[in-house]
């Protein structure tokens, strides 16, 4: 295993993945009944993605996913089925993100420095707006789970 010496002289493992979690957040507003997907815009990367973030020490992945949805979108949610775990390199380190389907259960978005905008979009519009192919694959996985589209 490759390691590097950290600032305090302790070995820091670079092969261990950064663990994160998130949700593909959805709703069906009463006024239309049509499926909408929530995407977040991160100004730091100027990208559109599903809400997600790193696990805190000792935090379970599902708990982190629900926390991140609330922090990034202002919405509470009801978790559903797990979606595929996504693995990729971020800043040269492996990253592993566990995802769940989650239905929005109310809330209000407040812009911040990490997420400055959210959009609730029809699935085909969300697909076009997503910045990464891996996020489009998660959208496909969600759509395969939801009945009556």
Protein backbone atom coordinates (compact mmCIF):
# COMPACT_ATOMS: atom_id res chain seq x y z
CA UNK A 1 0.00 0.00 0.00
CA UNK A 2 1.31 3.43 -0.89
CA UNK A 3 1.48 5.99 1.86
CA UNK A 4 2.69 9.52 2.40
CA UNK A 5 3.90 11.20 5.53
CA UNK A 6 1.40 13.71 6.85
CA UNK A 7 2.15 17.06 8.48
CA UNK A 8 2.45 15.48 11.92
CA UNK A 9 4.73 12.67 10.77
CA UNK A 10 2.02 10.03 10.62
CA UNK A 11 1.53 7.92 7.56
CA UNK A 12 -1.42 8.95 5.42
CA UNK A 13 -2.80 6.29 3.11
CA UNK A 14 -3.42 7.51 -0.42
CA UNK A 15 -4.93 4.25 -1.72
CA UNK A 16 -7.90 4.28 0.66
CA UNK A 17 -10.91 5.82 -1.08
CA UNK A 18 -12.55 9.01 0.07
CA UNK A 19 -16.02 7.91 1.19
CA UNK A 20 -19.04 9.99 0.31
CA UNK A 21 -22.78 9.55 -0.04
CA UNK A 22 -25.69 11.24 -1.75
CA UNK A 23 -29.15 10.89 -3.19
CA UNK A 24 -30.92 11.23 -6.48
CA UNK A 25 -33.66 13.46 -5.11
CA UNK A 26 -37.07 13.44 -6.77
CA UNK A 27 -40.62 14.68 -6.31
CA UNK A 28 -44.02 14.74 -8.02
CA UNK A 29 -45.61 18.14 -7.34
CA UNK A 30 -49.35 18.04 -6.70
CA UNK A 31 -50.03 20.72 -9.32
CA UNK A 32 -48.60 18.64 -12.17
CA UNK A 33 -48.01 15.11 -10.88
CA UNK A 34 -45.00 14.95 -13.21
CA UNK A 35 -41.66 13.63 -12.00
CA UNK A 36 -38.98 16.24 -11.20
CA UNK A 37 -35.34 15.65 -10.35
CA UNK A 38 -33.37 17.99 -8.09
CA UNK A 39 -29.91 19.03 -9.28
CA UNK A 40 -27.46 21.21 -7.39
CA UNK A 41 -25.03 23.73 -8.87
CA UNK A 42 -21.64 23.93 -7.20
CA UNK A 43 -19.92 27.23 -8.04
CA UNK A 44 -16.49 25.88 -7.04
CA UNK A 45 -16.63 23.42 -9.95
CA UNK A 46 -19.30 25.18 -12.03
CA UNK A 47 -21.12 21.89 -12.43
CA UNK A 48 -24.57 20.37 -11.96
CA UNK A 49 -24.85 17.14 -10.00
CA UNK A 50 -26.89 15.19 -7.49
CA UNK A 51 -26.50 16.27 -3.85
CA UNK A 52 -23.64 14.42 -2.17
CA UNK A 53 -20.76 14.88 0.23
CA UNK A 54 -18.08 13.24 2.33
CA UNK A 55 -18.86 11.08 5.32
CA UNK A 56 -17.92 12.45 8.73
CA UNK A 57 -15.82 10.22 10.97
CA UNK A 58 -17.95 7.30 12.19
CA UNK A 59 -20.99 8.38 10.14
CA UNK A 60 -23.03 5.78 8.27
CA UNK A 61 -23.35 6.32 4.53
CA UNK A 62 -27.15 6.66 4.54
CA UNK A 63 -27.02 9.17 7.40
CA UNK A 64 -24.43 11.18 5.44
CA UNK A 65 -26.58 11.08 2.30
CA UNK A 66 -29.62 12.45 4.14
CA UNK A 67 -27.51 15.11 5.88
CA UNK A 68 -25.96 16.21 2.59
CA UNK A 69 -29.35 16.46 0.86
CA UNK A 70 -30.62 18.68 3.68
CA UNK A 71 -27.45 20.81 3.74
CA UNK A 72 -27.24 21.26 -0.03
CA UNK A 73 -30.92 21.52 -0.99
CA UNK A 74 -32.73 22.55 2.20
CA UNK A 75 -35.07 19.57 1.73
CA UNK A 76 -35.77 16.66 4.00
CA UNK A 77 -36.23 13.41 2.15
CA UNK A 78 -37.43 9.85 2.49
CA UNK A 79 -34.75 7.39 1.38
CA UNK A 80 -35.70 4.58 -0.94
CA UNK A 81 -33.75 1.89 -2.74
CA UNK A 82 -29.97 2.04 -2.94
CA UNK A 83 -28.59 3.05 -6.32
CA UNK A 84 -25.24 2.00 -7.80
CA UNK A 85 -22.13 3.07 -5.93
CA UNK A 86 -20.00 5.36 -8.08
CA UNK A 87 -16.21 5.09 -8.08
CA UNK A 88 -13.83 7.58 -9.70
CA UNK A 89 -10.64 9.56 -9.12
CA UNK A 90 -10.94 12.99 -7.50
CA UNK A 91 -7.75 15.03 -7.21
CA UNK A 92 -5.72 11.87 -7.81
CA UNK A 93 -7.42 9.90 -5.02
CA UNK A 94 -10.02 7.18 -5.41
CA UNK A 95 -13.49 8.31 -4.37
CA UNK A 96 -16.44 6.04 -3.62
CA UNK A 97 -19.94 7.54 -3.43
CA UNK A 98 -22.92 5.50 -2.21
CA UNK A 99 -26.28 6.74 -3.53
CA UNK A 100 -29.94 6.23 -2.72
CA UNK A 101 -33.15 7.16 -4.45
CA UNK A 102 -34.90 9.69 -2.19
CA UNK A 103 -38.27 11.40 -2.37
CA UNK A 104 -38.33 15.05 -1.29
CA UNK A 105 -40.42 15.62 1.82
CA UNK A 106 -40.48 19.40 1.98
CA UNK A 107 -38.08 22.18 2.69
CA UNK A 108 -36.72 25.43 1.36
CA UNK A 109 -33.45 26.04 -0.45
CA UNK A 110 -31.11 28.74 0.83
CA UNK A 111 -28.11 29.52 -1.41
CA UNK A 112 -24.66 29.12 0.10
CA UNK A 113 -21.02 29.03 -0.91
CA UNK A 114 -21.02 25.27 -1.57
CA UNK A 115 -24.31 25.16 -3.52
CA UNK A 116 -25.62 28.39 -4.99
CA UNK A 117 -28.56 27.05 -7.02
CA UNK A 118 -30.91 24.10 -7.20
CA UNK A 119 -33.17 23.20 -10.09
CA UNK A 120 -36.16 20.86 -10.16
CA UNK A 121 -36.26 19.49 -13.69
CA UNK A 122 -38.06 16.97 -15.84
CA UNK A 123 -35.86 13.86 -16.23
CA UNK A 124 -34.89 14.60 -19.85
CA UNK A 125 -33.93 18.18 -18.98
CA UNK A 126 -31.99 16.99 -15.92
CA UNK A 127 -30.15 14.48 -18.11
CA UNK A 128 -28.99 17.28 -20.43
CA UNK A 129 -27.95 19.56 -17.56
CA UNK A 130 -25.92 17.00 -15.57
CA UNK A 131 -22.20 17.60 -15.99
CA UNK A 132 -20.97 14.01 -15.59
CA UNK A 133 -21.96 10.82 -17.41
CA UNK A 134 -21.83 8.94 -14.08
CA UNK A 135 -24.65 11.17 -12.82
CA UNK A 136 -26.71 10.39 -15.92
CA UNK A 137 -26.28 6.68 -15.14
CA UNK A 138 -27.64 7.31 -11.63
CA UNK A 139 -30.63 9.09 -13.14
CA UNK A 140 -31.23 6.06 -15.37
CA UNK A 141 -31.07 3.78 -12.31
CA UNK A 142 -33.65 5.92 -10.53
CA UNK A 143 -35.98 5.98 -13.54
CA UNK A 144 -35.83 2.18 -13.74
CA UNK A 145 -37.11 2.03 -10.13
CA UNK A 146 -39.97 4.50 -10.34
CA UNK A 147 -43.31 3.36 -11.76
CA UNK A 148 -45.70 5.34 -13.96
CA UNK A 149 -43.40 7.81 -15.62
